[in-house]
Protein backbone atom coordinates (compact mmCIF):
# COMPACT_ATOMS: atom_id res chain seq x y z
CA UNK A 1 -0.34 -0.31 -0.33
CA UNK A 2 0.74 3.61 -1.01
CA UNK A 3 1.31 5.97 2.53
CA UNK A 4 -1.08 8.15 2.66
CA UNK A 5 1.56 10.82 3.02
CA UNK A 6 3.09 9.50 -1.06
CA UNK A 7 0.12 9.13 -2.16
CA UNK A 8 -1.32 13.37 -1.01
CA UNK A 9 2.36 13.94 -2.10
CA UNK A 10 0.85 13.48 -5.66
CA UNK A 11 -2.21 15.41 -6.03
CA UNK A 12 -1.96 19.51 -6.04
CA UNK A 13 -2.45 21.75 -3.33
CA UNK A 14 -6.02 23.25 -4.73
CA UNK A 15 -7.17 19.45 -4.58
CA UNK A 16 -10.78 19.42 -4.19
CA UNK A 17 -11.77 16.06 -2.10
CA UNK A 18 -15.90 15.61 -1.05
CA UNK A 19 -17.73 12.75 -1.02
CA UNK A 20 -21.22 12.19 -3.70
CA UNK A 21 -24.87 11.63 -2.90
CA UNK A 22 -28.18 11.60 -4.71
CA UNK A 23 -31.55 12.70 -3.37
CA UNK A 24 -33.30 9.78 -3.83
CA UNK A 25 -30.88 7.20 -2.90
CA UNK A 26 -30.62 8.77 0.59
CA UNK A 27 -33.58 11.45 1.68
CA UNK A 28 -36.50 9.36 1.98
CA UNK A 29 -39.83 12.09 3.39
CA UNK A 30 -41.10 11.06 -0.19
CA UNK A 31 -44.59 12.13 0.63
CA UNK A 32 -44.16 15.06 3.16
CA UNK A 33 -43.92 18.45 2.32
CA UNK A 34 -45.37 18.52 -0.78
CA UNK A 35 -43.00 15.98 -2.73
CA UNK A 36 -44.61 14.72 -6.11
CA UNK A 37 -44.23 11.08 -6.55
CA UNK A 38 -41.69 10.13 -9.53
CA UNK A 39 -40.98 7.37 -11.74
CA UNK A 40 -38.86 6.15 -8.99
CA UNK A 41 -41.28 5.68 -6.35
CA UNK A 42 -43.71 4.31 -9.16
CA UNK A 43 -40.81 1.24 -10.89
CA UNK A 44 -39.68 0.62 -7.48
CA UNK A 45 -43.21 -0.59 -6.28
CA UNK A 46 -43.72 -2.85 -9.83
CA UNK A 47 -43.64 -6.07 -8.61
CA UNK A 48 -39.65 -7.69 -10.74
CA UNK A 49 -38.23 -4.05 -11.34
CA UNK A 50 -36.25 -3.49 -8.19
CA UNK A 51 -34.78 -5.95 -5.93
CA UNK A 52 -38.00 -6.91 -3.26
CA UNK A 53 -39.66 -4.50 -3.87
CA UNK A 54 -37.74 -1.66 -2.08
CA UNK A 55 -38.23 1.73 -2.39
CA UNK A 56 -36.89 5.11 -1.56
CA UNK A 57 -40.40 5.78 0.90
CA UNK A 58 -37.41 6.16 4.30
CA UNK A 59 -33.94 5.48 2.72
CA UNK A 60 -31.40 6.76 4.74
CA UNK A 61 -34.25 9.47 6.03
CA UNK A 62 -31.41 11.96 5.35
CA UNK A 63 -34.46 14.23 4.94
CA UNK A 64 -34.42 14.62 9.14
CA UNK A 65 -30.90 13.71 9.68
CA UNK A 66 -29.17 15.75 7.25
CA UNK A 67 -27.61 18.14 10.14
CA UNK A 68 -25.97 14.98 11.91
CA UNK A 69 -25.09 13.82 8.33
CA UNK A 70 -23.21 16.81 7.35
CA UNK A 71 -21.62 17.37 10.47
CA UNK A 72 -20.25 13.71 10.13
CA UNK A 73 -19.06 14.85 6.10
CA UNK A 74 -17.70 17.86 8.25
CA UNK A 75 -15.74 15.07 10.24
CA UNK A 76 -14.27 13.28 7.24
CA UNK A 77 -12.14 17.27 6.46
CA UNK A 78 -13.55 17.60 2.96
CA UNK A 79 -14.19 20.63 1.15
CA UNK A 80 -17.01 20.08 -0.71
CA UNK A 81 -20.65 17.93 -1.02
CA UNK A 82 -22.26 16.78 -4.12
CA UNK A 83 -26.31 16.40 -3.88
CA UNK A 84 -28.64 16.23 -5.74
CA UNK A 85 -32.16 18.42 -5.84
CA UNK A 86 -35.35 16.64 -5.98
CA UNK A 87 -37.30 17.50 -9.04
CA UNK A 88 -40.68 16.76 -7.12
CA UNK A 89 -40.04 18.28 -4.26
CA UNK A 90 -39.27 21.80 -6.12
CA UNK A 91 -42.73 21.21 -8.53
CA UNK A 92 -44.69 18.09 -7.39
CA UNK A 93 -46.25 17.62 -10.95
CA UNK A 94 -43.16 18.60 -12.71
CA UNK A 95 -44.17 21.88 -14.21
CA UNK A 96 -46.33 24.60 -12.67
CA UNK A 97 -47.19 25.33 -9.01
CA UNK A 98 -44.08 26.23 -6.63
CA UNK A 99 -43.34 23.53 -3.92
CA UNK A 100 -42.01 26.12 -1.12
CA UNK A 101 -41.32 23.75 1.30
CA UNK A 102 -38.90 21.91 -1.15
CA UNK A 103 -37.12 25.22 -1.58
CA UNK A 104 -37.02 26.14 2.37
CA UNK A 105 -35.24 21.77 2.44
CA UNK A 106 -32.02 22.77 0.81
CA UNK A 107 -32.37 26.21 1.96
CA UNK A 108 -31.47 24.63 5.45
CA UNK A 109 -29.47 22.04 3.78
CA UNK A 110 -26.79 24.82 1.73
CA UNK A 111 -27.10 27.39 4.59
CA UNK A 112 -26.35 24.24 6.74
CA UNK A 113 -22.77 23.67 4.82
CA UNK A 114 -21.79 27.50 4.06
CA UNK A 115 -21.93 26.97 7.80
CA UNK A 116 -19.56 23.68 7.92
CA UNK A 117 -17.27 25.21 5.24
CA UNK A 118 -17.95 22.80 2.90
CA UNK A 119 -17.76 23.75 -0.63
CA UNK A 120 -21.75 23.10 -2.55
CA UNK A 121 -21.88 21.20 -5.92
CA UNK A 122 -25.55 20.24 -6.75
CA UNK A 123 -27.09 18.38 -9.54
CA UNK A 124 -30.06 19.69 -10.59
CA UNK A 125 -31.34 16.20 -12.06
CA UNK A 126 -30.34 12.21 -10.24
CA UNK A 127 -32.94 10.97 -12.01
CA UNK A 128 -36.81 11.24 -10.06
CA UNK A 129 -37.98 12.51 -13.08
CA UNK A 130 -41.81 13.87 -11.70
CA UNK A 131 -43.85 10.85 -12.46
CA UNK A 132 -46.45 13.59 -13.75
CA UNK A 133 -44.15 14.30 -16.66
CA UNK A 134 -44.83 10.91 -17.90
CA UNK A 135 -48.20 11.90 -19.08
CA UNK A 136 -46.28 13.76 -22.22
CA UNK A 137 -43.94 10.65 -22.31
CA UNK A 138 -41.19 12.06 -19.72
CA UNK A 139 -37.83 11.54 -21.43
CA UNK A 140 -38.99 11.34 -24.72
CA UNK A 141 -40.25 13.87 -25.27
CA UNK A 142 -39.37 17.47 -26.58
CA UNK A 143 -41.82 19.50 -23.55
CA UNK A 144 -39.42 17.51 -21.14
CA UNK A 145 -36.19 19.26 -21.82
CA UNK A 146 -38.58 23.07 -21.56
CA UNK A 147 -39.90 21.79 -18.39
CA UNK A 148 -36.05 21.15 -16.82
CA UNK A 149 -35.25 24.65 -17.84
CA UNK A 150 -38.16 25.95 -15.92
CA UNK A 151 -37.02 23.76 -13.25
CA UNK A 152 -33.37 24.96 -13.45
CA UNK A 153 -34.23 28.92 -13.53
CA UNK A 154 -36.43 28.41 -10.49
CA UNK A 155 -33.81 26.15 -8.30
CA UNK A 156 -30.91 29.30 -9.36
CA UNK A 157 -33.62 31.63 -8.68
CA UNK A 158 -33.96 30.69 -5.29
CA UNK A 159 -30.45 28.84 -4.30
CA UNK A 160 -28.18 29.71 -6.40
CA UNK A 161 -26.49 32.66 -4.53
CA UNK A 162 -24.96 29.79 -2.54
CA UNK A 163 -23.44 27.55 -5.06
CA UNK A 164 -20.14 26.90 -6.12
CA UNK A 165 -20.99 24.86 -9.08
CA UNK A 166 -23.93 24.00 -10.80
CA UNK A 167 -24.54 19.92 -12.65
CA UNK A 168 -27.47 19.75 -14.69
CA UNK A 169 -27.48 16.12 -15.55
CA UNK A 170 -26.67 13.64 -13.73
CA UNK A 171 -25.34 10.40 -16.36
CA UNK A 172 -27.33 10.41 -19.51
CA UNK A 173 -26.13 7.07 -20.40
CA UNK A 174 -27.97 5.34 -17.22
CA UNK A 175 -31.49 7.63 -17.71
CA UNK A 176 -31.09 6.94 -22.13
CA UNK A 177 -29.62 3.24 -22.42
CA UNK A 178 -30.16 1.59 -18.46
CA UNK A 179 -33.81 3.21 -18.35
CA UNK A 180 -35.43 3.55 -22.36
CA UNK A 181 -32.89 0.77 -24.28
CA UNK A 182 -32.55 -2.04 -21.83
CA UNK A 183 -35.93 -1.61 -19.47
CA UNK A 184 -33.64 -1.70 -15.77
CA UNK A 185 -34.00 1.48 -14.81
CA UNK A 186 -36.70 3.45 -14.29
CA UNK A 187 -39.24 3.82 -16.69
CA UNK A 188 -37.95 0.60 -17.85
CA UNK A 189 -38.37 0.87 -21.63
CA UNK A 190 -37.45 -1.73 -24.46
CA UNK A 191 -37.29 1.05 -26.95
CA UNK A 192 -35.24 1.75 -29.65
CA UNK A 193 -37.77 4.50 -30.64
CA UNK A 194 -37.64 5.69 -27.00
CA UNK A 195 -34.56 5.81 -26.36
CA UNK A 196 -33.68 7.44 -29.07
CA UNK A 197 -35.65 10.26 -28.68
CA UNK A 198 -34.53 10.02 -24.83
CA UNK A 199 -30.86 11.18 -26.63
CA UNK A 200 -32.08 13.63 -27.92
CA UNK A 201 -34.31 15.00 -25.46
CA UNK A 202 -31.95 14.31 -22.35
CA UNK A 203 -28.92 16.19 -24.67
CA UNK A 204 -31.29 19.22 -25.03
CA UNK A 205 -32.44 19.63 -21.48
CA UNK A 206 -29.41 19.98 -20.47
CA UNK A 207 -28.27 22.92 -22.88
CA UNK A 208 -31.24 24.66 -22.09
CA UNK A 209 -30.81 23.93 -18.41
CA UNK A 210 -27.79 25.83 -18.64
CA UNK A 211 -28.89 28.58 -20.95
CA UNK A 212 -31.50 29.08 -17.71
CA UNK A 213 -28.86 28.89 -14.90
CA UNK A 214 -27.10 31.70 -16.70
CA UNK A 215 -29.70 33.81 -16.92
CA UNK A 216 -30.24 34.24 -13.14
CA UNK A 217 -26.39 33.79 -12.58
CA UNK A 218 -24.25 34.22 -15.51
CA UNK A 219 -21.31 33.62 -13.02
CA UNK A 220 -22.55 30.32 -11.36
CA UNK A 221 -19.80 27.82 -13.02
CA UNK A 222 -21.69 25.42 -15.51
CA UNK A 223 -20.80 21.41 -15.43
CA UNK A 224 -22.29 18.68 -16.71
CA UNK A 225 -21.83 14.72 -15.44
CA UNK A 226 -21.15 11.76 -17.52
CA UNK A 227 -20.44 8.28 -16.51
CA UNK A 228 -18.38 7.84 -19.80
CA UNK A 229 -16.70 3.71 -20.43
CA UNK A 230 -12.94 2.52 -20.38
CA UNK A 231 -13.40 0.93 -23.39
CA UNK A 232 -11.02 -1.47 -24.91
CA UNK A 233 -11.07 -4.33 -27.08
CA UNK A 234 -11.36 -7.78 -25.63
CA UNK A 235 -8.28 -9.09 -28.41
CA UNK A 236 -6.07 -7.60 -30.81
CA UNK A 237 -7.96 -8.44 -34.11
CA UNK A 238 -9.34 -6.42 -36.32
CA UNK A 239 -12.95 -6.42 -36.01
CA UNK A 240 -12.52 -6.16 -31.74
CA UNK A 241 -10.76 -2.80 -31.91
CA UNK A 242 -13.56 -1.46 -34.29
CA UNK A 243 -16.09 -2.33 -31.71
CA UNK A 244 -15.05 -0.54 -29.34
CA UNK A 245 -14.15 2.03 -31.49
CA UNK A 246 -18.23 1.86 -32.64
CA UNK A 247 -19.22 0.99 -28.51
CA UNK A 248 -17.52 4.05 -27.69
CA UNK A 249 -19.50 5.91 -30.09
CA UNK A 250 -22.81 4.31 -28.57
CA UNK A 251 -21.51 5.28 -25.28
CA UNK A 252 -19.91 7.86 -25.15
CA UNK A 253 -19.78 9.45 -28.53
CA UNK A 254 -23.39 9.93 -28.29
CA UNK A 255 -23.05 12.59 -25.72
CA UNK A 256 -19.73 13.98 -25.11
CA UNK A 257 -19.90 15.14 -29.44
CA UNK A 258 -22.68 17.20 -29.30
CA UNK A 259 -21.98 18.82 -25.61
CA UNK A 260 -18.45 19.80 -26.50
CA UNK A 261 -18.39 19.20 -30.00
CA UNK A 262 -21.37 20.98 -31.44
CA UNK A 263 -22.83 17.89 -33.46
CA UNK A 264 -23.78 13.88 -32.95
CA UNK A 265 -21.32 11.27 -34.72
CA UNK A 266 -22.18 10.63 -38.26
CA UNK A 267 -22.75 6.24 -37.60
CA UNK A 268 -25.35 8.18 -34.69
CA UNK A 269 -27.14 10.40 -37.35
CA UNK A 270 -27.07 7.66 -39.88
CA UNK A 271 -28.81 4.81 -37.40
CA UNK A 272 -30.62 7.09 -34.85
CA UNK A 273 -30.76 10.69 -35.97
CA UNK A 274 -34.56 9.96 -37.92
CA UNK A 275 -35.62 9.36 -34.65
CA UNK A 276 -34.49 12.30 -32.70
CA UNK A 277 -35.91 14.68 -33.98
CA UNK A 278 -33.29 16.74 -34.35
CA UNK A 279 -34.43 20.71 -34.91
CA UNK A 280 -32.74 23.96 -35.62
CA UNK A 281 -30.52 25.57 -33.74
CA UNK A 282 -30.61 22.32 -31.45
CA UNK A 283 -27.33 21.63 -31.26
CA UNK A 284 -26.14 25.27 -30.51
CA UNK A 285 -28.13 24.99 -27.93
CA UNK A 286 -26.41 21.82 -26.72
CA UNK A 287 -22.77 22.71 -27.52
CA UNK A 288 -23.13 25.58 -24.90
CA UNK A 289 -19.57 26.08 -23.70
CA UNK A 290 -18.85 24.46 -20.07
CA UNK A 291 -16.59 25.69 -17.02
CA UNK A 292 -16.03 22.39 -16.14
CA UNK A 293 -17.31 18.90 -16.38
CA UNK A 294 -18.18 15.83 -14.25
CA UNK A 295 -16.99 11.67 -14.89
CA UNK A 296 -18.40 8.98 -13.03
CA UNK A 297 -16.07 6.28 -13.44
CA UNK A 298 -16.09 2.68 -11.84
CA UNK A 299 -15.38 -0.34 -13.87
CA UNK A 300 -13.96 -0.58 -17.86
CA UNK A 301 -15.46 -2.62 -20.57
CA UNK A 302 -13.98 -5.19 -22.57
CA UNK A 303 -15.07 -5.15 -26.13
CA UNK A 304 -15.60 -7.60 -29.12
CA UNK A 305 -17.40 -7.33 -31.79
CA UNK A 306 -20.43 -8.91 -32.61
CA UNK A 307 -22.93 -9.91 -35.90
CA UNK A 308 -24.91 -12.56 -34.75
CA UNK A 309 -28.24 -12.29 -36.46
CA UNK A 310 -30.39 -9.60 -35.24
CA UNK A 311 -27.93 -7.97 -33.60
CA UNK A 312 -28.47 -4.14 -33.31
CA UNK A 313 -25.56 -1.61 -34.23
CA UNK A 314 -23.02 -1.10 -32.08
CA UNK A 315 -22.74 -4.63 -33.13
CA UNK A 316 -20.13 -4.98 -29.87
CA UNK A 317 -20.53 -6.74 -26.76
CA UNK A 318 -18.96 -6.66 -23.66
CA UNK A 319 -17.09 -10.19 -21.74
CA UNK A 320 -17.28 -10.82 -18.47
CA UNK A 321 -14.29 -10.26 -16.11
CA UNK A 322 -12.23 -13.32 -16.75
CA UNK A 323 -11.67 -15.98 -13.88
CA UNK A 324 -9.48 -14.62 -11.30
CA UNK A 325 -10.55 -10.88 -12.19
CA UNK A 326 -11.37 -8.85 -9.43
CA UNK A 327 -14.91 -7.87 -9.29
CA UNK A 328 -16.98 -5.79 -6.68
CA UNK A 329 -19.51 -7.25 -4.94
CA UNK A 330 -21.70 -5.74 -8.07
CA UNK A 331 -19.67 -7.73 -10.12
CA UNK A 332 -17.70 -4.85 -11.64
CA UNK A 333 -13.91 -5.68 -12.74
CA UNK A 334 -11.98 -3.52 -10.76
CA UNK A 335 -8.82 -1.96 -12.76
CA UNK A 336 -7.67 1.45 -11.58
CA UNK A 337 -5.76 1.97 -15.26
CA UNK A 338 -9.45 2.01 -17.27
CA UNK A 339 -9.80 5.81 -15.32
CA UNK A 340 -6.53 7.81 -15.90
CA UNK A 341 -6.77 6.20 -19.65
CA UNK A 342 -9.78 7.12 -19.81
CA UNK A 343 -9.23 10.28 -19.27
CA UNK A 344 -6.69 11.36 -21.18
CA UNK A 345 -7.82 9.58 -24.28
CA UNK A 346 -10.90 12.18 -23.65
CA UNK A 347 -8.60 15.10 -23.58
CA UNK A 348 -7.41 14.08 -27.32
CA UNK A 349 -9.93 13.73 -28.28
CA UNK A 350 -12.24 16.36 -26.86
CA UNK A 351 -11.62 20.39 -25.78
CA UNK A 352 -12.56 20.12 -22.63
CA UNK A 353 -12.73 21.87 -19.57
CA UNK A 354 -11.29 21.43 -16.50
CA UNK A 355 -12.49 17.85 -14.61
CA UNK A 356 -13.60 16.55 -11.47
CA UNK A 357 -13.85 13.19 -10.82
CA UNK A 358 -18.17 13.44 -9.26
CA UNK A 359 -18.24 9.13 -8.79
CA UNK A 360 -15.74 6.57 -7.64
CA UNK A 361 -16.36 4.29 -5.27
CA UNK A 362 -16.95 0.31 -4.62
CA UNK A 363 -19.44 -2.05 -3.95
CA UNK A 364 -18.64 -4.46 -1.41
CA UNK A 365 -20.63 -5.85 1.10
CA UNK A 366 -19.41 -5.67 4.75
CA UNK A 367 -20.81 -5.94 8.02
CA UNK A 368 -20.79 -3.66 11.34
CA UNK A 369 -18.54 -6.16 13.59
CA UNK A 370 -17.82 -4.91 17.15
CA UNK A 371 -18.70 -1.47 15.94
CA UNK A 372 -16.18 -1.43 13.31
CA UNK A 373 -16.41 -2.04 9.62
CA UNK A 374 -12.92 -3.54 8.14
CA UNK A 375 -13.55 -3.19 4.56
CA UNK A 376 -10.21 -3.24 3.22
CA UNK A 377 -10.90 -4.08 -0.03
CA UNK A 378 -12.91 -0.39 -0.74
CA UNK A 379 -10.12 1.50 0.72
CA UNK A 380 -7.91 -0.89 -1.83
CA UNK A 381 -10.05 -0.07 -4.49
CA UNK A 382 -9.82 3.90 -3.31
CA UNK A 383 -5.80 3.26 -3.47
CA UNK A 384 -5.66 2.61 -6.86
CA UNK A 385 -8.16 4.94 -8.16
CA UNK A 386 -6.49 8.13 -6.86
CA UNK A 387 -3.13 6.26 -7.63
CA UNK A 388 -4.99 6.41 -11.10
CA UNK A 389 -5.63 10.00 -10.85
CA UNK A 390 -2.53 11.52 -10.11
CA UNK A 391 -1.27 9.13 -13.26
CA UNK A 392 -3.99 11.28 -15.72
CA UNK A 393 -2.18 14.07 -13.99
CA UNK A 394 0.84 14.20 -14.37
CA UNK A 395 0.15 13.24 -18.06
CA UNK A 396 -1.40 17.18 -18.14
CA UNK A 397 -5.29 16.05 -17.48
CA UNK A 398 -6.41 19.64 -15.54
CA UNK A 399 -8.15 17.09 -13.10
CA UNK A 400 -9.41 19.25 -10.34
CA UNK A 401 -10.66 16.70 -7.69
CA UNK A 402 -12.90 13.93 -6.81
CA UNK A 403 -16.21 13.20 -4.88
CA UNK A 404 -15.84 9.59 -3.15
CA UNK A 405 -19.63 7.66 -3.43
CA UNK A 406 -20.99 7.42 -2.05
CA UNK A 407 -20.62 8.63 1.37
CA UNK A 408 -23.27 6.62 3.08
CA UNK A 409 -24.50 3.45 2.00
CA UNK A 410 -28.01 3.77 0.39
CA UNK A 411 -30.89 2.63 -2.09
CA UNK A 412 -29.05 1.45 -5.31
CA UNK A 413 -31.18 1.81 -7.85
CA UNK A 414 -32.67 -1.48 -9.54
CA UNK A 415 -30.53 -3.10 -6.82
CA UNK A 416 -32.39 -2.24 -3.73
CA UNK A 417 -30.80 -2.07 -0.90
CA UNK A 418 -28.54 -5.21 -1.23
CA UNK A 419 -25.68 -3.48 -2.38
CA UNK A 420 -23.26 -0.85 -0.47
CA UNK A 421 -21.48 1.85 -1.67
CA UNK A 422 -20.76 3.95 1.00
CA UNK A 423 -18.04 4.49 3.43
CA UNK A 424 -20.36 4.78 5.85
CA UNK A 425 -22.01 2.26 6.77
CA UNK A 426 -26.11 2.68 7.33
CA UNK A 427 -28.30 0.41 9.89
CA UNK A 428 -31.98 0.55 7.95
CA UNK A 429 -33.93 -0.19 10.53
CA UNK A 430 -32.23 2.16 12.87
CA UNK A 431 -30.50 4.48 10.98
CA UNK A 432 -27.31 4.10 12.99
CA UNK A 433 -24.51 4.81 11.00
CA UNK A 434 -21.00 3.49 11.38
CA UNK A 435 -17.43 5.11 9.51
CA UNK A 436 -15.95 2.32 8.10
CA UNK A 437 -12.55 1.70 7.73
CA UNK A 438 -11.97 3.11 4.19
CA UNK A 439 -14.20 6.35 5.28
CA UNK A 440 -10.97 6.92 8.13
CA UNK A 441 -8.53 5.80 5.28
CA UNK A 442 -9.97 8.44 3.14
CA UNK A 443 -10.30 11.02 6.34
CA UNK A 444 -6.92 10.37 6.58
CA UNK A 445 -5.50 11.04 3.00
CA UNK A 446 -7.79 14.30 3.40
CA UNK A 447 -6.11 15.75 5.99
CA UNK A 448 -2.91 14.76 5.35
CA UNK A 449 -2.87 15.78 2.02
CA UNK A 450 -4.48 19.56 4.16
CA UNK A 451 -0.79 19.52 6.53
CA UNK A 452 1.44 18.95 2.76
CA UNK A 453 0.71 22.37 2.05
């Protein structure tokens, strides 16, 4: 293991350490103070969609325990907290009447962060679409992008004066690929047409959201958060190399190219363009200049060509991890080099602003043992990925900070409460929080970094 001192010394003096969460995963209070239902409230109640039909009704009860949770964050020594704002708390129907009690909650939360010296890094949308918007088609409908812009303006007008940076949307890949093409996340569609429409609506919503936020706070640093994939060919064959490049286009370029280059990749337009409802001026709206962007990274993909009967574009399939390759408890391969390789590659392909790692972490389901959680595998994972982060910085990537996923165990979407990503263990029956050994390691790294300069 690398010592905390040696690892801290590889990171710049101004490097920002933080932790990250998301509203539906931790807040609970799903029916309190005027919050409307989201697509996840409905989806999680459908049999077979979420592990044991777990819901976010209570989650980590952060809505009521937020002060203690902020104290916990402060005790780690980190400088910033990344969280999401629940659209259904602000606009219960997605549009129209504003719920002041929802804004009041985030007022209190942000004031609490400022009082504790924590930088404020909110995300406007982390998957909890107001359910009423599904009546118009949800993310497949252009009107949802317009509703998102209205929501962005309302939030920034009330809360933007205390934000240090704002992200529009978290992980459009999960919202489009995972939710509209593969059917794994809410709303659970398996439709190429719905997927194509959602992709363009999401990209457009981002651009409109940036414009709306800047109309209120022109000086607010704006960004977006992408879970771009580190993609390798499974073999050195020409077919697999070509498949890996198609997979990059389909999973990464479909979002990064319009946002950062102002155009969809030609392959995407050839295959999906007629289903995307692209209108004049849309690409200019999507291609807003950004002050920063966020990368969420967990695991690489190893791609082989797939031209079997019925296989669709990109005619590429991820291979499962080989026997003996380390994996987390959710089955994801551990390969920290994928993080540094991806960052370096993306900065070669695109003209990008500075980046933060907005999520990185590992699922290990260690429990409490005599008041402690000895999750050494997570500590090893984090150490390796901080080394990779430093490697990227050494290679010239303008990496400005790191938000660990996650502060605490929480509702892990389709996996319910079965999977644990936190550096803080949560007993969901008692809501007792227990700092894991990985959390103690992170605290040591952060404090060592502070004392190194």
